[in-house]
Amino acid sequence: MNLDKLKDQPRLLLQAKLKPVQGSRFQPTGFPDLGAATFDGPNGVKMLLVESAQSMANRLEAVCWDTNANDWIVPLKGLPAVLVLDKDKKPLTNSVLEAHRINSTYIATAKGFDTIKEAIAFNDKRPFDRNPFLKALLRFDVNSLIHGIFLEKIAGVIRLPRALTAFIEATDVTTVASGGAKVDRVRAAKGDEGQTSKEGFGNVIYHREEFTGNITVFFNLDLALIRGFGLGADVETLLIAISLFKIQRFLCDGLRLRTACDLDLDGDLIVQRPAEFILPSLGELEVALPGLIAEAFGGKADKRFTTVIYEETTAKKGKGDKADEDKTED
C-alpha cells in the first residue's frame, strides 16, 4: 500500500457508478414532510438525492462493527471506542454506532464520562484549545476524527467537521408511480365499533413512488484536515487507511440501502483527484491495517475500549438532545 501520492494534496476525491442489482427501479432516501429529495441540477437536469451525507456516515461506520461480538471487525481490532453498559453491566450501545458518537446521551450522562471530559480539558474562561480535544478523540473514539463530532453537551465550541464525506446522487431521473393494497380478508371495510384502518382493520390502498436514473456515489476525504490535527505521521496514515477501508468495505458489503434499493457497482471506483493516485484494494487494506494500528498506538492490537455505565437515573431531565445530522432515518 503506497500513499505517497497523497502527500501535500488537500483532498482525495473518488466516485463510482452504481446500478440496481435487478431491474431499473430504486427507492431513494426519504425525509419527513418532504419525501424524496428531487431537484434541478445544472442545465435543468432532473436530479435526486439517493443517500444523504449523514446517512452515508452511518453506513460507513456500520460496516466496521461486529454487532454479535460487540467489537471492531478483525482488520480494525485494537482501535479505541467507548462501550456503554447498562446498570446490569450488559452491552447497551457504543460510540461507533450511537447517535452523536461520544456526545450521545448514553455516553455523556453515563458514569465514567468524566474521564473523557477531563481529557478534553475545556476551560470556559479561556479560548478553546483543541489540542487536548484531538488527543482525547484519538485516545477514546478515533472514529470521531473521521466522521466528526459536536460535543455541545460540554460546550458549543467543541466540534470537528467530517474528514470523510460521502453521498449518492442520481441524474436524468424519472418517477415510477405505483401502488398496492393491504387486503383485510375478514372485514373489507372498517369495523362497526369504531375500528379504523389505523388500527389495522379494513382494506388499505396506498401509493408508491420509485425512480430510475443514473446513480453515482461520491467520496471526499479531507487530507488537509487530517494533517491539521497534528497527531503525527503514523496517525495520519492510519486515519487515511481506515477511511479507504470504510469506502472499499461499503462498496463490497453495504450497498443494500433499503428493501427496494439494492445496488451494485457499475464499473470501477474512479480516483478524480489526485489522478495519479492508485487506490489500495480492500485486501491490501485488510493486511496493512493491523500493523498501522500497532504503529499508531504502540504494541500489539489489544482492546483499547473505554467502558461507561448508563443508568436511567444518570440522565438529566430536560428538553432532550439537539437533533443531530447523523444516526437519523432519512
C-alpha atoms as a PDB file:
ATOM      1  CA  MET A   1       0.000   0.000   0.000  1.00  0.00           C
ATOM      2  CA  ASN A   2       1.524   3.290  -1.120  1.00  0.00           C
ATOM      3  CA  LEU A   3       0.026   6.617  -0.008  1.00  0.00           C
ATOM      4  CA  ASP A   4       2.922   8.829  -1.179  1.00  0.00           C
ATOM      5  CA  LYS A   5       0.817  10.457  -3.929  1.00  0.00           C
ATOM      6  CA  LEU A   6      -1.467  11.899  -1.256  1.00  0.00           C
ATOM      7  CA  LYS A   7       1.289  13.949   0.384  1.00  0.00           C
ATOM      8  CA  ASP A   8       0.591  17.696   0.181  1.00  0.00           C
ATOM      9  CA  GLN A   9      -2.776  17.031  -1.504  1.00  0.00           C
ATOM     10  CA  PRO A  10      -5.771  18.863   0.053  1.00  0.00           C
ATOM     11  CA  ARG A  11      -8.420  16.299  -0.910  1.00  0.00           C
ATOM     12  CA  LEU A  12      -8.878  12.771  -2.162  1.00  0.00           C
ATOM     13  CA  LEU A  13     -11.944  12.662  -4.407  1.00  0.00           C
ATOM     14  CA  LEU A  14     -13.479   9.373  -5.544  1.00  0.00           C
ATOM     15  CA  GLN A  15     -16.623   8.371  -7.403  1.00  0.00           C
ATOM     16  CA  ALA A  16     -18.261   5.242  -8.780  1.00  0.00           C
ATOM     17  CA  LYS A  17     -21.304   4.398 -10.863  1.00  0.00           C
ATOM     18  CA  LEU A  18     -23.978   2.239  -9.258  1.00  0.00           C
ATOM     19  CA  LYS A  19     -26.934   0.318 -10.645  1.00  0.00           C
ATOM     20  CA  PRO A  20     -29.832  -1.706  -9.235  1.00  0.00           C
ATOM     21  CA  VAL A  21     -28.974  -5.363  -8.744  1.00  0.00           C
ATOM     22  CA  GLN A  22     -32.195  -6.272 -10.572  1.00  0.00           C
ATOM     23  CA  GLY A  23     -34.378  -4.215 -12.859  1.00  0.00           C
ATOM     24  CA  SER A  24     -34.037  -0.469 -13.199  1.00  0.00           C
ATOM     25  CA  ARG A  25     -36.051   0.951 -10.278  1.00  0.00           C
ATOM     26  CA  PHE A  26     -34.718   2.048  -6.905  1.00  0.00           C
ATOM     27  CA  GLN A  27     -36.067   3.721  -3.783  1.00  0.00           C
ATOM     28  CA  PRO A  28     -34.192   6.831  -2.583  1.00  0.00           C
ATOM     29  CA  THR A  29     -33.855   8.165   0.920  1.00  0.00           C
ATOM     30  CA  GLY A  30     -36.935   9.998   2.144  1.00  0.00           C
ATOM     31  CA  PHE A  31     -37.387  12.869   4.594  1.00  0.00           C
ATOM     32  CA  PRO A  32     -40.326  13.665   6.915  1.00  0.00           C
ATOM     33  CA  ASP A  33     -42.789  16.142   5.366  1.00  0.00           C
ATOM     34  CA  LEU A  34     -40.677  16.193   2.201  1.00  0.00           C
ATOM     35  CA  GLY A  35     -40.434  12.734   0.700  1.00  0.00           C
ATOM     36  CA  ALA A  36     -37.831  12.124  -1.972  1.00  0.00           C
ATOM     37  CA  ALA A  37     -35.280  14.930  -2.405  1.00  0.00           C
ATOM     38  CA  THR A  38     -35.591  15.781  -6.095  1.00  0.00           C
ATOM     39  CA  PHE A  39     -34.006  18.926  -7.510  1.00  0.00           C
ATOM     40  CA  ASP A  40     -32.983  20.624 -10.734  1.00  0.00           C
ATOM     41  CA  GLY A  41     -29.260  20.308 -11.413  1.00  0.00           C
ATOM     42  CA  PRO A  42     -27.088  22.252 -13.853  1.00  0.00           C
ATOM     43  CA  ASN A  43     -28.793  22.921 -17.213  1.00  0.00           C
ATOM     44  CA  GLY A  44     -32.103  21.776 -15.774  1.00  0.00           C
ATOM     45  CA  VAL A  45     -31.093  18.117 -15.366  1.00  0.00           C
ATOM     46  CA  LYS A  46     -33.551  16.280 -13.123  1.00  0.00           C
ATOM     47  CA  MET A  47     -31.632  15.016 -10.101  1.00  0.00           C
ATOM     48  CA  LEU A  48     -32.312  13.050  -6.958  1.00  0.00           C
ATOM     49  CA  LEU A  49     -30.527  12.597  -3.632  1.00  0.00           C
ATOM     50  CA  VAL A  50     -30.381   8.821  -3.201  1.00  0.00           C
ATOM     51  CA  GLU A  51     -28.422   8.799   0.074  1.00  0.00           C
ATOM     52  CA  SER A  52     -27.502  11.810   2.216  1.00  0.00           C
ATOM     53  CA  ALA A  53     -24.135  12.594   3.776  1.00  0.00           C
ATOM     54  CA  GLN A  54     -25.460  11.905   7.274  1.00  0.00           C
ATOM     55  CA  SER A  55     -26.880   8.535   6.271  1.00  0.00           C
ATOM     56  CA  MET A  56     -23.681   7.586   4.457  1.00  0.00           C
ATOM     57  CA  ALA A  57     -21.672   8.342   7.599  1.00  0.00           C
ATOM     58  CA  ASN A  58     -23.868   5.873   9.454  1.00  0.00           C
ATOM     59  CA  ARG A  59     -23.340   3.208   6.804  1.00  0.00           C
ATOM     60  CA  LEU A  60     -19.585   3.707   6.658  1.00  0.00           C
ATOM     61  CA  GLU A  61     -19.465   3.190  10.425  1.00  0.00           C
ATOM     62  CA  ALA A  62     -21.768   0.178  10.422  1.00  0.00           C
ATOM     63  CA  VAL A  63     -19.586  -1.874   8.044  1.00  0.00           C
ATOM     64  CA  CYS A  64     -16.723  -1.637  10.575  1.00  0.00           C
ATOM     65  CA  TRP A  65     -18.505  -3.056  13.624  1.00  0.00           C
ATOM     66  CA  ASP A  66     -19.267  -6.686  14.526  1.00  0.00           C
ATOM     67  CA  THR A  67     -22.546  -6.385  16.454  1.00  0.00           C
ATOM     68  CA  ASN A  68     -22.509 -10.024  17.540  1.00  0.00           C
ATOM     69  CA  ALA A  69     -19.059  -9.739  19.109  1.00  0.00           C
ATOM     70  CA  ASN A  70     -19.611  -6.095  20.179  1.00  0.00           C
ATOM     71  CA  ASP A  71     -16.193  -5.315  18.740  1.00  0.00           C
ATOM     72  CA  TRP A  72     -14.478  -3.939  15.668  1.00  0.00           C
ATOM     73  CA  ILE A  73     -14.272  -6.321  12.735  1.00  0.00           C
ATOM     74  CA  VAL A  74     -10.958  -8.176  12.547  1.00  0.00           C
ATOM     75  CA  PRO A  75      -8.816  -5.719  10.488  1.00  0.00           C
ATOM     76  CA  LEU A  76      -9.746  -2.860  12.849  1.00  0.00           C
ATOM     77  CA  LYS A  77      -9.309  -4.615  16.189  1.00  0.00           C
ATOM     78  CA  GLY A  78      -7.286  -2.510  18.577  1.00  0.00           C
ATOM     79  CA  LEU A  79      -8.890   0.817  17.686  1.00  0.00           C
ATOM     80  CA  PRO A  80     -10.335   2.862  20.567  1.00  0.00           C
ATOM     81  CA  ALA A  81     -14.080   3.210  21.130  1.00  0.00           C
ATOM     82  CA  VAL A  82     -16.441   3.816  24.028  1.00  0.00           C
ATOM     83  CA  LEU A  83     -18.610   0.878  25.099  1.00  0.00           C
ATOM     84  CA  VAL A  84     -21.801   1.565  27.045  1.00  0.00           C
ATOM     85  CA  LEU A  85     -23.122  -0.953  29.550  1.00  0.00           C
ATOM     86  CA  ASP A  86     -26.468  -0.781  31.332  1.00  0.00           C
ATOM     87  CA  LYS A  87     -26.876  -0.904  35.105  1.00  0.00           C
ATOM     88  CA  ASP A  88     -26.714  -4.706  34.952  1.00  0.00           C
ATOM     89  CA  LYS A  89     -23.348  -4.490  33.133  1.00  0.00           C
ATOM     90  CA  LYS A  90     -24.838  -5.772  29.863  1.00  0.00           C
ATOM     91  CA  PRO A  91     -23.883  -4.195  26.495  1.00  0.00           C
ATOM     92  CA  LEU A  92     -26.196  -1.340  25.574  1.00  0.00           C
ATOM     93  CA  THR A  93     -24.579   0.672  22.777  1.00  0.00           C
ATOM     94  CA  ASN A  94     -21.229   2.164  21.707  1.00  0.00           C
ATOM     95  CA  SER A  95     -19.669   5.287  20.243  1.00  0.00           C
ATOM     96  CA  VAL A  96     -19.231   3.760  16.782  1.00  0.00           C
ATOM     97  CA  LEU A  97     -22.935   3.110  16.213  1.00  0.00           C
ATOM     98  CA  GLU A  98     -24.528   5.552  18.623  1.00  0.00           C
ATOM     99  CA  ALA A  99     -26.092   8.858  17.580  1.00  0.00           C
ATOM    100  CA  HIS A 100     -23.815  11.866  18.213  1.00  0.00           C
ATOM    101  CA  ARG A 101     -20.924   9.451  18.916  1.00  0.00           C
ATOM    102  CA  ILE A 102     -19.428  10.372  22.297  1.00  0.00           C
ATOM    103  CA  ASN A 103     -21.916  13.250  22.566  1.00  0.00           C
ATOM    104  CA  SER A 104     -24.692  10.651  22.824  1.00  0.00           C
ATOM    105  CA  THR A 105     -26.898  10.893  25.895  1.00  0.00           C
ATOM    106  CA  TYR A 106     -25.997   7.286  26.708  1.00  0.00           C
ATOM    107  CA  ILE A 107     -22.322   8.279  26.907  1.00  0.00           C
ATOM    108  CA  ALA A 108     -22.257  11.922  28.014  1.00  0.00           C
ATOM    109  CA  THR A 109     -24.546  11.239  31.009  1.00  0.00           C
ATOM    110  CA  ALA A 110     -23.008   7.880  31.922  1.00  0.00           C
ATOM    111  CA  LYS A 111     -20.786   7.024  34.846  1.00  0.00           C
ATOM    112  CA  GLY A 112     -17.247   7.177  33.561  1.00  0.00           C
ATOM    113  CA  PHE A 113     -17.691  10.041  31.084  1.00  0.00           C
ATOM    114  CA  ASP A 114     -15.848  12.389  33.444  1.00  0.00           C
ATOM    115  CA  THR A 115     -12.596  10.701  32.417  1.00  0.00           C
ATOM    116  CA  ILE A 116     -13.224  11.721  28.795  1.00  0.00           C
ATOM    117  CA  LYS A 117     -14.350  15.207  29.808  1.00  0.00           C
ATOM    118  CA  GLU A 118     -11.219  15.756  31.878  1.00  0.00           C
ATOM    119  CA  ALA A 119      -9.003  14.664  28.978  1.00  0.00           C
ATOM    120  CA  ILE A 120     -10.675  17.243  26.692  1.00  0.00           C
ATOM    121  CA  ALA A 121      -9.667  19.875  29.257  1.00  0.00           C
ATOM    122  CA  PHE A 122     -12.222  22.516  28.271  1.00  0.00           C
ATOM    123  CA  ASN A 123     -11.930  25.767  30.201  1.00  0.00           C
ATOM    124  CA  ASP A 124     -14.817  28.192  29.704  1.00  0.00           C
ATOM    125  CA  LYS A 125     -12.603  31.065  30.875  1.00  0.00           C
ATOM    126  CA  ARG A 126     -10.006  30.524  28.154  1.00  0.00           C
ATOM    127  CA  PRO A 127     -10.074  30.313  24.330  1.00  0.00           C
ATOM    128  CA  PHE A 128     -10.761  26.738  23.309  1.00  0.00           C
ATOM    129  CA  ASP A 129      -7.557  24.718  22.926  1.00  0.00           C
ATOM    130  CA  ARG A 130      -8.368  21.883  20.559  1.00  0.00           C
ATOM    131  CA  ASN A 131      -5.076  20.004  21.011  1.00  0.00           C
ATOM    132  CA  PRO A 132      -6.209  18.153  24.162  1.00  0.00           C
ATOM    133  CA  PHE A 133      -9.553  17.579  22.430  1.00  0.00           C
ATOM    134  CA  LEU A 134      -7.943  15.932  19.388  1.00  0.00           C
ATOM    135  CA  LYS A 135      -5.676  13.802  21.580  1.00  0.00           C
ATOM    136  CA  ALA A 136      -8.723  12.753  23.621  1.00  0.00           C
ATOM    137  CA  LEU A 137     -10.578  11.658  20.468  1.00  0.00           C
ATOM    138  CA  LEU A 138      -7.551   9.629  19.393  1.00  0.00           C
ATOM    139  CA  ARG A 139      -7.452   8.002  22.823  1.00  0.00           C
ATOM    140  CA  PHE A 140     -11.167   7.360  23.318  1.00  0.00           C
ATOM    141  CA  ASP A 141     -13.005   7.482  19.963  1.00  0.00           C
ATOM    142  CA  VAL A 142     -10.805   7.555  16.865  1.00  0.00           C
ATOM    143  CA  ASN A 143     -13.957   7.202  14.721  1.00  0.00           C
ATOM    144  CA  SER A 144     -14.906  10.802  15.595  1.00  0.00           C
ATOM    145  CA  LEU A 145     -11.689  12.050  13.987  1.00  0.00           C
ATOM    146  CA  ILE A 146     -13.012  10.662  10.699  1.00  0.00           C
ATOM    147  CA  HIS A 147     -16.750  11.349  10.894  1.00  0.00           C
ATOM    148  CA  GLY A 148     -16.769  14.478  13.058  1.00  0.00           C
ATOM    149  CA  ILE A 149     -18.225  15.340  16.440  1.00  0.00           C
ATOM    150  CA  PHE A 150     -20.174  18.157  18.103  1.00  0.00           C
ATOM    151  CA  LEU A 151     -19.761  17.911  21.870  1.00  0.00           C
ATOM    152  CA  GLU A 152     -22.339  20.556  22.721  1.00  0.00           C
ATOM    153  CA  LYS A 153     -23.120  18.701  25.949  1.00  0.00           C
ATOM    154  CA  ILE A 154     -19.802  20.109  27.187  1.00  0.00           C
ATOM    155  CA  ALA A 155     -19.617  23.337  25.164  1.00  0.00           C
ATOM    156  CA  GLY A 156     -20.810  24.613  21.796  1.00  0.00           C
ATOM    157  CA  VAL A 157     -17.288  25.360  20.576  1.00  0.00           C
ATOM    158  CA  ILE A 158     -16.150  21.719  20.876  1.00  0.00           C
ATOM    159  CA  ARG A 159     -16.750  20.464  17.381  1.00  0.00           C
ATOM    160  CA  LEU A 160     -14.944  18.853  14.495  1.00  0.00           C
ATOM    161  CA  PRO A 161     -16.125  18.607  10.853  1.00  0.00           C
ATOM    162  CA  ARG A 162     -16.148  15.381   8.886  1.00  0.00           C
ATOM    163  CA  ALA A 163     -12.862  14.328   7.344  1.00  0.00           C
ATOM    164  CA  LEU A 164     -14.706  11.731   5.245  1.00  0.00           C
ATOM    165  CA  THR A 165     -17.885  12.805   3.465  1.00  0.00           C
ATOM    166  CA  ALA A 166     -19.961  10.690   1.083  1.00  0.00           C
ATOM    167  CA  PHE A 167     -23.298  10.920  -0.702  1.00  0.00           C
ATOM    168  CA  ILE A 168     -25.187   9.262  -3.557  1.00  0.00           C
ATOM    169  CA  GLU A 169     -26.976  11.157  -6.326  1.00  0.00           C
ATOM    170  CA  ALA A 170     -28.898  10.178  -9.448  1.00  0.00           C
ATOM    171  CA  THR A 171     -29.210  12.178 -12.657  1.00  0.00           C
ATOM    172  CA  ASP A 172     -31.767  12.113 -15.505  1.00  0.00           C
ATOM    173  CA  VAL A 173     -34.291  10.705 -13.068  1.00  0.00           C
ATOM    174  CA  THR A 174     -37.805   9.614 -13.923  1.00  0.00           C
ATOM    175  CA  THR A 175     -40.552   8.952 -11.410  1.00  0.00           C
ATOM    176  CA  VAL A 176     -42.090   5.483 -11.322  1.00  0.00           C
ATOM    177  CA  ALA A 177     -45.532   5.759  -9.724  1.00  0.00           C
ATOM    178  CA  SER A 178     -47.158   2.568  -8.480  1.00  0.00           C
ATOM    179  CA  GLY A 179     -49.105   1.352  -5.505  1.00  0.00           C
ATOM    180  CA  GLY A 180     -50.702  -1.565  -3.776  1.00  0.00           C
ATOM    181  CA  ALA A 181     -53.273  -2.705  -1.283  1.00  0.00           C
ATOM    182  CA  LYS A 182     -53.388  -4.315   2.120  1.00  0.00           C
ATOM    183  CA  VAL A 183     -56.348  -6.651   1.924  1.00  0.00           C
ATOM    184  CA  ASP A 184     -58.410  -7.485   5.003  1.00  0.00           C
ATOM    185  CA  ARG A 185     -59.818 -10.980   4.337  1.00  0.00           C
ATOM    186  CA  VAL A 186     -62.264 -10.657   7.233  1.00  0.00           C
ATOM    187  CA  ARG A 187     -63.531  -7.080   7.038  1.00  0.00           C
ATOM    188  CA  ALA A 188     -63.024  -5.185   3.803  1.00  0.00           C
ATOM    189  CA  ALA A 189     -64.480  -2.054   5.358  1.00  0.00           C
ATOM    190  CA  LYS A 190     -63.722  -0.587   8.754  1.00  0.00           C
ATOM    191  CA  GLY A 191     -65.418  -2.207  11.730  1.00  0.00           C
ATOM    192  CA  ASP A 192     -68.763  -1.196  13.169  1.00  0.00           C
ATOM    193  CA  GLU A 193     -67.414  -0.462  16.658  1.00  0.00           C
ATOM    194  CA  GLY A 194     -65.064   2.405  15.952  1.00  0.00           C
ATOM    195  CA  GLN A 195     -62.372   0.202  14.430  1.00  0.00           C
ATOM    196  CA  THR A 196     -60.414   2.053  11.758  1.00  0.00           C
ATOM    197  CA  SER A 197     -57.746   1.330   9.181  1.00  0.00           C
ATOM    198  CA  LYS A 198     -55.197   2.946  11.533  1.00  0.00           C
ATOM    199  CA  GLU A 199     -55.782   0.070  13.899  1.00  0.00           C
ATOM    200  CA  GLY A 200     -55.245  -2.466  11.133  1.00  0.00           C
ATOM    201  CA  PHE A 201     -58.810  -3.168  10.101  1.00  0.00           C
ATOM    202  CA  GLY A 202     -60.201  -2.910   6.556  1.00  0.00           C
ATOM    203  CA  ASN A 203     -58.617  -2.713   3.129  1.00  0.00           C
ATOM    204  CA  VAL A 204     -55.888  -0.078   2.775  1.00  0.00           C
ATOM    205  CA  ILE A 205     -54.941   1.297  -0.634  1.00  0.00           C
ATOM    206  CA  TYR A 206     -51.563   3.049  -0.864  1.00  0.00           C
ATOM    207  CA  HIS A 207     -49.368   4.697  -3.477  1.00  0.00           C
ATOM    208  CA  ARG A 208     -45.656   4.122  -4.005  1.00  0.00           C
ATOM    209  CA  GLU A 209     -43.003   6.237  -5.707  1.00  0.00           C
ATOM    210  CA  GLU A 210     -39.726   4.863  -7.045  1.00  0.00           C
ATOM    211  CA  PHE A 211     -37.237   6.226  -9.556  1.00  0.00           C
ATOM    212  CA  THR A 212     -34.997   5.324 -12.453  1.00  0.00           C
ATOM    213  CA  GLY A 213     -31.823   7.193 -13.362  1.00  0.00           C
ATOM    214  CA  ASN A 214     -28.036   7.191 -13.477  1.00  0.00           C
ATOM    215  CA  ILE A 215     -26.665   6.655  -9.951  1.00  0.00           C
ATOM    216  CA  THR A 216     -23.262   7.857  -8.721  1.00  0.00           C
ATOM    217  CA  VAL A 217     -21.653   7.620  -5.280  1.00  0.00           C
ATOM    218  CA  PHE A 218     -19.123  10.312  -4.284  1.00  0.00           C
ATOM    219  CA  PHE A 219     -16.436  10.251  -1.571  1.00  0.00           C
ATOM    220  CA  ASN A 220     -14.405  13.229  -0.312  1.00  0.00           C
ATOM    221  CA  LEU A 221     -11.521  12.670   2.113  1.00  0.00           C
ATOM    222  CA  ASP A 222     -10.202  15.945   3.565  1.00  0.00           C
ATOM    223  CA  LEU A 223      -6.460  15.251   3.739  1.00  0.00           C
ATOM    224  CA  ALA A 224      -5.625  18.815   4.788  1.00  0.00           C
ATOM    225  CA  LEU A 225      -7.930  18.497   7.796  1.00  0.00           C
ATOM    226  CA  ILE A 226      -6.297  15.216   8.841  1.00  0.00           C
ATOM    227  CA  ARG A 227      -2.807  16.725   8.575  1.00  0.00           C
ATOM    228  CA  GLY A 228      -4.051  19.727  10.539  1.00  0.00           C
ATOM    229  CA  PHE A 229      -4.832  17.510  13.520  1.00  0.00           C
ATOM    230  CA  GLY A 230      -1.095  17.464  14.227  1.00  0.00           C
ATOM    231  CA  LEU A 231      -1.241  13.947  15.650  1.00  0.00           C
ATOM    232  CA  GLY A 232       1.832  12.644  13.820  1.00  0.00           C
ATOM    233  CA  ALA A 233       2.581  10.835  10.583  1.00  0.00           C
ATOM    234  CA  ASP A 234       1.628   7.397  11.913  1.00  0.00           C
ATOM    235  CA  VAL A 235      -1.845   8.615  12.940  1.00  0.00           C
ATOM    236  CA  GLU A 236      -2.331  10.467   9.632  1.00  0.00           C
ATOM    237  CA  THR A 237      -1.555   7.278   7.690  1.00  0.00           C
ATOM    238  CA  LEU A 238      -3.864   5.258   9.922  1.00  0.00           C
ATOM    239  CA  LEU A 239      -6.801   7.675   9.525  1.00  0.00           C
ATOM    240  CA  ILE A 240      -6.416   7.668   5.736  1.00  0.00           C
ATOM    241  CA  ALA A 241      -6.195   3.866   5.657  1.00  0.00           C
ATOM    242  CA  ILE A 242      -9.287   3.474   7.869  1.00  0.00           C
ATOM    243  CA  SER A 243     -11.207   5.871   5.615  1.00  0.00           C
ATOM    244  CA  LEU A 244     -10.201   3.975   2.465  1.00  0.00           C
ATOM    245  CA  PHE A 245     -11.113   0.708   4.178  1.00  0.00           C
ATOM    246  CA  LYS A 246     -14.572   2.060   5.055  1.00  0.00           C
ATOM    247  CA  ILE A 247     -15.118   3.072   1.423  1.00  0.00           C
ATOM    248  CA  GLN A 248     -13.974  -0.246  -0.043  1.00  0.00           C
ATOM    249  CA  ARG A 249     -15.888  -2.273   2.562  1.00  0.00           C
ATOM    250  CA  PHE A 250     -19.089  -0.276   1.951  1.00  0.00           C
ATOM    251  CA  LEU A 251     -18.859  -0.823  -1.809  1.00  0.00           C
ATOM    252  CA  CYS A 252     -18.307  -4.533  -1.196  1.00  0.00           C
ATOM    253  CA  ASP A 253     -20.867  -5.257   1.533  1.00  0.00           C
ATOM    254  CA  GLY A 254     -23.027  -2.207   2.216  1.00  0.00           C
ATOM    255  CA  LEU A 255     -24.900  -1.385  -0.978  1.00  0.00           C
ATOM    256  CA  ARG A 256     -28.287  -2.769   0.048  1.00  0.00           C
ATOM    257  CA  LEU A 257     -29.555   0.561   1.300  1.00  0.00           C
ATOM    258  CA  ARG A 258     -33.227  -0.433   1.594  1.00  0.00           C
ATOM    259  CA  THR A 259     -35.500  -3.298   0.579  1.00  0.00           C
ATOM    260  CA  ALA A 260     -36.211  -1.553  -2.711  1.00  0.00           C
ATOM    261  CA  CYS A 261     -32.745  -0.028  -3.104  1.00  0.00           C
ATOM    262  CA  ASP A 262     -30.315  -2.896  -3.596  1.00  0.00           C
ATOM    263  CA  LEU A 263     -27.381  -1.589  -5.624  1.00  0.00           C
ATOM    264  CA  ASP A 264     -24.182  -2.876  -7.201  1.00  0.00           C
ATOM    265  CA  LEU A 265     -21.030  -1.319  -8.615  1.00  0.00           C
ATOM    266  CA  ASP A 266     -21.287  -0.465 -12.313  1.00  0.00           C
ATOM    267  CA  GLY A 267     -17.599  -0.279 -13.214  1.00  0.00           C
ATOM    268  CA  ASP A 268     -14.575   0.725 -11.167  1.00  0.00           C
ATOM    269  CA  LEU A 269     -14.113   3.128  -8.287  1.00  0.00           C
ATOM    270  CA  ILE A 270     -12.503   6.139 -10.000  1.00  0.00           C
ATOM    271  CA  VAL A 271      -9.932   8.474  -8.472  1.00  0.00           C
ATOM    272  CA  GLN A 272     -10.836  12.008  -9.532  1.00  0.00           C
ATOM    273  CA  ARG A 273      -8.127  13.801  -7.559  1.00  0.00           C
ATOM    274  CA  PRO A 274      -5.163  13.323  -7.428  1.00  0.00           C
ATOM    275  CA  ALA A 275      -5.491  11.438 -10.700  1.00  0.00           C
ATOM    276  CA  GLU A 276      -2.135   9.647 -10.342  1.00  0.00           C
ATOM    277  CA  PHE A 277      -3.082   8.015  -7.017  1.00  0.00           C
ATOM    278  CA  ILE A 278      -3.585   4.237  -7.188  1.00  0.00           C
ATOM    279  CA  LEU A 279      -6.297   3.207  -4.751  1.00  0.00           C
ATOM    280  CA  PRO A 280      -5.394   0.260  -2.473  1.00  0.00           C
ATOM    281  CA  SER A 281      -7.687  -2.747  -2.745  1.00  0.00           C
ATOM    282  CA  LEU A 282      -9.793  -3.989   0.146  1.00  0.00           C
ATOM    283  CA  GLY A 283      -7.414  -6.937   0.559  1.00  0.00           C
ATOM    284  CA  GLU A 284      -4.350  -4.684   0.741  1.00  0.00           C
ATOM    285  CA  LEU A 285      -6.005  -2.517   3.378  1.00  0.00           C
ATOM    286  CA  GLU A 286      -7.035  -5.532   5.461  1.00  0.00           C
ATOM    287  CA  VAL A 287      -3.421  -6.719   5.504  1.00  0.00           C
ATOM    288  CA  ALA A 288      -1.941  -3.281   6.279  1.00  0.00           C
ATOM    289  CA  LEU A 289      -4.341  -2.050   8.983  1.00  0.00           C
ATOM    290  CA  PRO A 290      -3.243  -4.229  11.958  1.00  0.00           C
ATOM    291  CA  GLY A 291       0.343  -3.015  11.543  1.00  0.00           C
ATOM    292  CA  LEU A 292      -0.754   0.605  11.156  1.00  0.00           C
ATOM    293  CA  ILE A 293      -2.839   0.361  14.329  1.00  0.00           C
ATOM    294  CA  ALA A 294       0.143  -1.061  16.222  1.00  0.00           C
ATOM    295  CA  GLU A 295       2.412   1.731  14.946  1.00  0.00           C
ATOM    296  CA  ALA A 296      -0.037   4.493  15.832  1.00  0.00           C
ATOM    297  CA  PHE A 297      -0.885   3.219  19.321  1.00  0.00           C
ATOM    298  CA  GLY A 298       2.148   1.133  20.186  1.00  0.00           C
ATOM    299  CA  GLY A 299       2.285  -2.580  20.953  1.00  0.00           C
ATOM    300  CA  LYS A 300       0.019  -5.365  19.782  1.00  0.00           C
ATOM    301  CA  ALA A 301      -3.644  -4.846  18.952  1.00  0.00           C
ATOM    302  CA  ASP A 302      -5.091  -5.086  22.446  1.00  0.00           C
ATOM    303  CA  LYS A 303      -8.592  -3.841  23.071  1.00  0.00           C
ATOM    304  CA  ARG A 304      -8.479  -0.113  23.714  1.00  0.00           C
ATOM    305  CA  PHE A 305     -12.055   0.327  24.844  1.00  0.00           C
ATOM    306  CA  THR A 306     -13.313   2.738  27.455  1.00  0.00           C
ATOM    307  CA  THR A 307     -16.367   1.415  29.301  1.00  0.00           C
ATOM    308  CA  VAL A 308     -19.051   3.653  30.801  1.00  0.00           C
ATOM    309  CA  ILE A 309     -22.197   2.689  32.705  1.00  0.00           C
ATOM    310  CA  TYR A 310     -25.511   4.230  31.710  1.00  0.00           C
ATOM    311  CA  GLU A 311     -28.368   4.228  34.198  1.00  0.00           C
ATOM    312  CA  GLU A 312     -31.729   5.878  33.653  1.00  0.00           C
ATOM    313  CA  THR A 313     -31.207   7.970  36.780  1.00  0.00           C
ATOM    314  CA  THR A 314     -27.899   9.383  35.467  1.00  0.00           C
ATOM    315  CA  ALA A 315     -29.578  11.122  32.516  1.00  0.00           C
ATOM    316  CA  LYS A 316     -30.623  14.688  33.295  1.00  0.00           C
ATOM    317  CA  LYS A 317     -34.252  15.501  32.647  1.00  0.00           C
ATOM    318  CA  GLY A 318     -34.708  18.345  30.215  1.00  0.00           C
ATOM    319  CA  LYS A 319     -35.805  19.277  26.753  1.00  0.00           C
ATOM    320  CA  GLY A 320     -33.863  16.472  25.105  1.00  0.00           C
ATOM    321  CA  ASP A 321     -30.948  16.421  22.726  1.00  0.00           C
ATOM    322  CA  LYS A 322     -30.488  18.788  19.901  1.00  0.00           C
ATOM    323  CA  ALA A 323     -31.225  16.986  16.635  1.00  0.00           C
ATOM    324  CA  ASP A 324     -28.014  15.737  15.076  1.00  0.00           C
ATOM    325  CA  GLU A 325     -27.399  15.112  11.436  1.00  0.00           C
ATOM    326  CA  ASP A 326     -26.009  11.618  11.950  1.00  0.00           C
ATOM    327  CA  LYS A 327     -27.853   8.466  13.041  1.00  0.00           C
ATOM    328  CA  THR A 328     -31.183   9.763  11.791  1.00  0.00           C
ATOM    329  CA  GLU A 329     -33.558   7.956   9.486  1.00  0.00           C
ATOM    330  CA  ASP A 330     -33.668   9.682   6.131  1.00  0.00           C
END
